[in-house]
Amino acid sequence: MMLKVTDANVYYGAIHAIKGVSIEVNEGEVVTLIGANGAGKSTVLKTISGLLRSKTGDITFMGESISATQPHRIVERGLAHVPEGRRIFLQMTVRENLEMGAFTQSNAGVDKDIEKVYALFPRLAERRKQISGTLSGGEQQMLAMGRALMSRPKLLMLDEPSMGLAPLLVEQIFDIIRELHKAGTTILLVEQNAQMALSVADRAYVLETGVVALSGTGEELAKSDDIRKAYLGG
């Protein structure tokens, strides 16, 4: 098992945001967390990546506890987090952003890794010298994903990659997620677009007000009447 979250309880001051959440991600899987706004999906990812701390339980990655590990050390271990809202360096060029993503790597392989990112995201190759703040929303999302891939992650966590994008760009982003999965990258995906998320997921968890309300394969949940009514418009 690559990632195991056991009995996570996370608070924002007096607000109990995550209530006893336990999830697992096996090597080679795409696992998705779906749920309404405010369900706690992003909080789970922030807790895994060390930006927030759970009051209880444990988080293990590649068999070792990371519950008390600093975020940059977690990245060094092979866990990359593409946050909601992209959070790219707006004043830097596309290439400079990618170079920043490679802080865990030796300089020797950086150019080769950048070329791999450009092959995956040809739009970024066209804009390699462009200031990142002038990119479109879709291009910024591609850059955020590319920057995360520069750390050569064993597990890639994506938080709302389709947010604010036109339908055509959403399709492109999910095609890339499928391509990364096919190439062997393990992915933990938080996504508001439940239909798209379940279409790529091996397994899924449904979060409701900080609690795992349901889990199963992506196919099972896509066929569930409760899920269809709540998240799939039918």
Protein backbone atom coordinates (compact mmCIF):
# COMPACT_ATOMS: atom_id res chain seq x y z
CA MET A 1 0.00 0.00 0.00
CA MET A 2 1.40 3.37 -1.01
CA LEU A 3 -0.66 5.71 1.18
CA LYS A 4 -2.75 5.01 4.26
CA VAL A 5 -4.65 7.66 6.25
CA THR A 6 -6.01 6.32 9.54
CA ASP A 7 -8.52 8.13 11.78
CA ALA A 8 -7.65 11.69 10.72
CA ASN A 9 -9.31 14.44 12.75
CA VAL A 10 -8.50 17.99 11.64
CA TYR A 11 -9.73 21.27 13.08
CA TYR A 12 -9.82 24.87 11.86
CA GLY A 13 -9.97 26.51 15.28
CA ALA A 14 -13.21 25.24 16.81
CA ILE A 15 -14.48 23.81 13.51
CA HIS A 16 -14.10 20.03 13.26
CA ALA A 17 -13.41 19.81 9.51
CA ILE A 18 -12.31 16.16 9.17
CA LYS A 19 -13.91 13.57 11.45
CA GLY A 20 -12.18 10.21 11.67
CA VAL A 21 -11.34 9.91 7.98
CA SER A 22 -9.50 6.77 6.84
CA ILE A 23 -8.52 6.19 3.19
CA GLU A 24 -6.04 4.05 1.28
CA VAL A 25 -4.26 4.39 -2.06
CA ASN A 26 -2.50 1.42 -3.61
CA GLU A 27 0.39 1.71 -6.03
CA GLY A 28 -0.77 2.29 -9.60
CA GLU A 29 -4.30 3.38 -8.70
CA VAL A 30 -6.31 6.48 -9.40
CA VAL A 31 -8.34 7.16 -6.26
CA THR A 32 -10.77 10.06 -6.14
CA LEU A 33 -12.45 11.98 -3.34
CA ILE A 34 -15.80 13.47 -4.31
CA GLY A 35 -18.33 15.47 -2.32
CA ALA A 36 -20.03 18.82 -2.05
CA ASN A 37 -18.21 22.10 -1.43
CA GLY A 38 -17.08 22.22 2.19
CA ALA A 39 -17.11 18.43 2.60
CA GLY A 40 -13.41 18.42 3.56
CA LYS A 41 -11.83 17.08 0.39
CA SER A 42 -9.08 19.72 0.12
CA THR A 43 -8.45 19.50 3.86
CA VAL A 44 -7.65 15.79 3.48
CA LEU A 45 -5.02 16.56 0.81
CA LYS A 46 -3.50 19.38 2.86
CA THR A 47 -3.25 17.05 5.85
CA ILE A 48 -1.53 14.34 3.80
CA SER A 49 1.00 16.85 2.39
CA GLY A 50 1.80 18.23 5.86
CA LEU A 51 0.21 21.67 5.48
CA LEU A 52 -2.30 20.76 8.21
CA ARG A 53 -1.95 18.33 11.11
CA SER A 54 -4.35 15.68 12.33
CA LYS A 55 -5.03 15.55 16.06
CA THR A 56 -5.29 11.75 15.96
CA GLY A 57 -4.36 8.70 13.94
CA ASP A 58 -1.50 8.35 11.48
CA ILE A 59 -0.57 8.87 7.84
CA THR A 60 1.87 6.44 6.25
CA PHE A 61 3.48 6.81 2.82
CA MET A 62 5.56 3.99 1.33
CA GLY A 63 5.34 2.19 4.68
CA GLU A 64 6.66 5.06 6.82
CA SER A 65 4.77 7.56 8.96
CA ILE A 66 4.74 11.12 7.60
CA SER A 67 2.38 12.55 10.23
CA ALA A 68 5.10 14.75 11.73
CA THR A 69 7.16 15.27 8.56
CA GLN A 70 7.69 18.76 7.13
CA PRO A 71 5.99 19.42 3.77
CA HIS A 72 9.21 19.82 1.76
CA ARG A 73 10.49 16.51 3.16
CA ILE A 74 7.24 14.84 2.09
CA VAL A 75 7.86 16.10 -1.47
CA GLU A 76 11.38 14.69 -1.31
CA ARG A 77 9.90 11.29 -0.42
CA GLY A 78 7.90 11.32 -3.65
CA LEU A 79 4.52 12.85 -2.81
CA ALA A 80 3.56 15.93 -4.86
CA HIS A 81 0.50 18.12 -4.30
CA VAL A 82 -1.08 20.34 -6.97
CA PRO A 83 -3.18 22.67 -4.81
CA GLU A 84 -6.58 24.12 -5.54
CA GLY A 85 -6.16 27.44 -7.36
CA ARG A 86 -2.89 26.30 -9.01
CA ARG A 87 -0.57 28.57 -6.96
CA ILE A 88 2.02 29.00 -9.68
CA PHE A 89 4.71 31.70 -9.46
CA LEU A 90 3.00 34.39 -11.51
CA GLN A 91 6.04 36.64 -12.07
CA MET A 92 8.22 33.80 -13.34
CA THR A 93 8.34 32.30 -16.82
CA VAL A 94 6.90 28.88 -17.59
CA ARG A 95 10.35 27.33 -17.61
CA GLU A 96 11.34 28.99 -14.33
CA ASN A 97 8.21 27.56 -12.68
CA LEU A 98 9.16 24.10 -13.89
CA GLU A 99 12.70 24.55 -12.59
CA MET A 100 11.26 25.48 -9.16
CA GLY A 101 9.39 22.17 -9.17
CA ALA A 102 12.68 20.31 -9.51
CA PHE A 103 14.15 21.52 -6.18
CA THR A 104 14.36 17.91 -4.96
CA GLN A 105 16.36 16.77 -8.00
CA SER A 106 20.00 17.09 -9.00
CA ASN A 107 20.65 19.52 -11.85
CA ALA A 108 21.76 16.68 -14.12
CA GLY A 109 18.27 15.48 -15.05
CA VAL A 110 16.30 18.73 -14.95
CA ASP A 111 16.49 19.59 -18.67
CA LYS A 112 15.39 16.08 -19.61
CA ASP A 113 12.47 16.24 -17.17
CA ILE A 114 11.41 19.62 -18.56
CA GLU A 115 11.34 18.14 -22.07
CA LYS A 116 9.10 15.32 -20.76
CA VAL A 117 6.70 17.92 -19.35
CA TYR A 118 6.72 19.79 -22.67
CA ALA A 119 5.91 16.52 -24.48
CA LEU A 120 2.95 15.98 -22.13
CA PHE A 121 1.83 19.62 -22.35
CA PRO A 122 2.79 20.98 -25.82
CA ARG A 123 1.09 24.29 -24.97
CA LEU A 124 3.70 24.89 -22.28
CA ALA A 125 6.50 24.24 -24.76
CA GLU A 126 5.06 26.97 -26.99
CA ARG A 127 4.99 29.37 -24.02
CA ARG A 128 8.19 28.37 -22.25
CA LYS A 129 9.50 31.97 -22.07
CA GLN A 130 6.14 33.56 -21.29
CA ILE A 131 5.43 35.12 -17.88
CA SER A 132 3.13 32.66 -16.11
CA GLY A 133 0.68 35.29 -14.88
CA THR A 134 -0.28 35.99 -18.51
CA LEU A 135 -1.29 32.37 -19.22
CA SER A 136 -4.93 31.30 -19.53
CA GLY A 137 -6.54 29.35 -16.68
CA GLY A 138 -6.12 26.07 -18.52
CA GLU A 139 -2.47 26.77 -19.26
CA GLN A 140 -1.86 27.67 -15.62
CA GLN A 141 -3.42 24.35 -14.58
CA MET A 142 -1.15 22.51 -16.99
CA LEU A 143 1.83 24.40 -15.56
CA ALA A 144 0.86 23.53 -11.98
CA MET A 145 0.65 19.86 -12.92
CA GLY A 146 3.90 20.03 -14.88
CA ARG A 147 5.70 21.70 -11.98
CA ALA A 148 4.55 18.91 -9.64
CA LEU A 149 5.76 16.27 -12.09
CA MET A 150 9.23 17.85 -12.01
CA SER A 151 9.70 16.34 -8.53
CA ARG A 152 9.27 12.87 -10.09
CA PRO A 153 6.44 11.93 -7.73
CA LYS A 154 5.48 8.39 -6.80
CA LEU A 155 2.07 9.79 -5.81
CA LEU A 156 0.51 12.85 -7.44
CA MET A 157 -2.30 14.60 -5.56
CA LEU A 158 -4.51 16.85 -7.68
CA ASP A 159 -6.95 19.26 -6.03
CA GLU A 160 -9.80 20.39 -8.32
CA PRO A 161 -7.82 20.35 -11.60
CA SER A 162 -10.92 21.17 -13.69
CA MET A 163 -12.07 24.15 -11.60
CA GLY A 164 -13.02 27.15 -13.72
CA LEU A 165 -12.06 25.54 -17.03
CA ALA A 166 -14.09 25.33 -20.22
CA PRO A 167 -15.45 21.84 -21.05
CA LEU A 168 -12.91 21.26 -23.82
CA LEU A 169 -10.03 22.02 -21.46
CA VAL A 170 -11.55 19.78 -18.79
CA GLU A 171 -11.45 16.93 -21.32
CA GLN A 172 -7.80 17.72 -22.08
CA ILE A 173 -6.84 17.73 -18.38
CA PHE A 174 -8.56 14.39 -17.81
CA ASP A 175 -6.90 12.92 -20.91
CA ILE A 176 -3.57 13.87 -19.34
CA ILE A 177 -4.62 12.28 -16.03
CA ARG A 178 -5.38 9.06 -17.92
CA GLU A 179 -2.02 9.28 -19.71
CA LEU A 180 -0.14 9.76 -16.42
CA HIS A 181 -1.99 6.81 -14.91
CA LYS A 182 -1.20 4.65 -17.94
CA ALA A 183 2.48 5.60 -17.56
CA GLY A 184 2.41 4.31 -13.97
CA THR A 185 1.81 7.41 -11.84
CA THR A 186 -0.38 6.81 -8.79
CA ILE A 187 -2.94 9.60 -8.40
CA LEU A 188 -5.16 10.86 -5.59
CA LEU A 189 -7.72 13.19 -7.15
CA VAL A 190 -10.07 15.68 -5.50
CA GLU A 191 -12.64 16.83 -8.01
CA GLN A 192 -15.95 18.70 -8.03
CA ASN A 193 -16.85 17.18 -11.40
CA ALA A 194 -17.91 13.80 -10.01
CA GLN A 195 -18.77 12.32 -13.38
CA MET A 196 -15.31 12.96 -14.81
CA ALA A 197 -13.60 11.90 -11.59
CA LEU A 198 -15.44 8.57 -11.40
CA SER A 199 -14.72 7.92 -15.10
CA VAL A 200 -10.96 7.77 -14.40
CA ALA A 201 -11.02 6.33 -10.87
CA ASP A 202 -10.19 2.79 -9.87
CA ARG A 203 -11.72 3.52 -6.47
CA ALA A 204 -13.53 6.46 -4.88
CA TYR A 205 -14.53 7.86 -1.51
CA VAL A 206 -17.51 10.15 -0.95
CA LEU A 207 -17.00 12.79 1.75
CA GLU A 208 -19.96 14.40 3.49
CA THR A 209 -19.31 17.07 6.16
CA GLY A 210 -15.89 15.66 7.01
CA VAL A 211 -16.89 11.99 7.11
CA VAL A 212 -16.38 9.17 4.58
CA ALA A 213 -20.00 8.38 3.77
CA LEU A 214 -19.42 5.86 0.99
CA SER A 215 -16.62 4.10 -0.84
CA GLY A 216 -16.29 1.67 -3.73
CA THR A 217 -14.93 1.33 -7.23
CA GLY A 218 -15.38 4.25 -9.58
CA GLU A 219 -17.74 2.14 -11.68
CA GLU A 220 -19.87 1.11 -8.68
CA LEU A 221 -20.30 4.65 -7.44
CA ALA A 222 -21.05 5.99 -10.92
CA LYS A 223 -23.97 3.51 -11.06
CA SER A 224 -25.20 4.25 -7.51
CA ASP A 225 -28.64 5.91 -7.46
CA ASP A 226 -27.68 8.01 -4.42
CA ILE A 227 -24.51 9.27 -6.12
CA ARG A 228 -26.31 9.93 -9.39
CA LYS A 229 -28.95 12.03 -7.65
CA ALA A 230 -26.50 13.93 -5.45
CA TYR A 231 -23.57 14.52 -7.83
CA LEU A 232 -24.32 13.38 -11.38
CA GLY A 233 -27.52 15.25 -12.09
CA GLY A 234 -29.83 12.28 -12.24
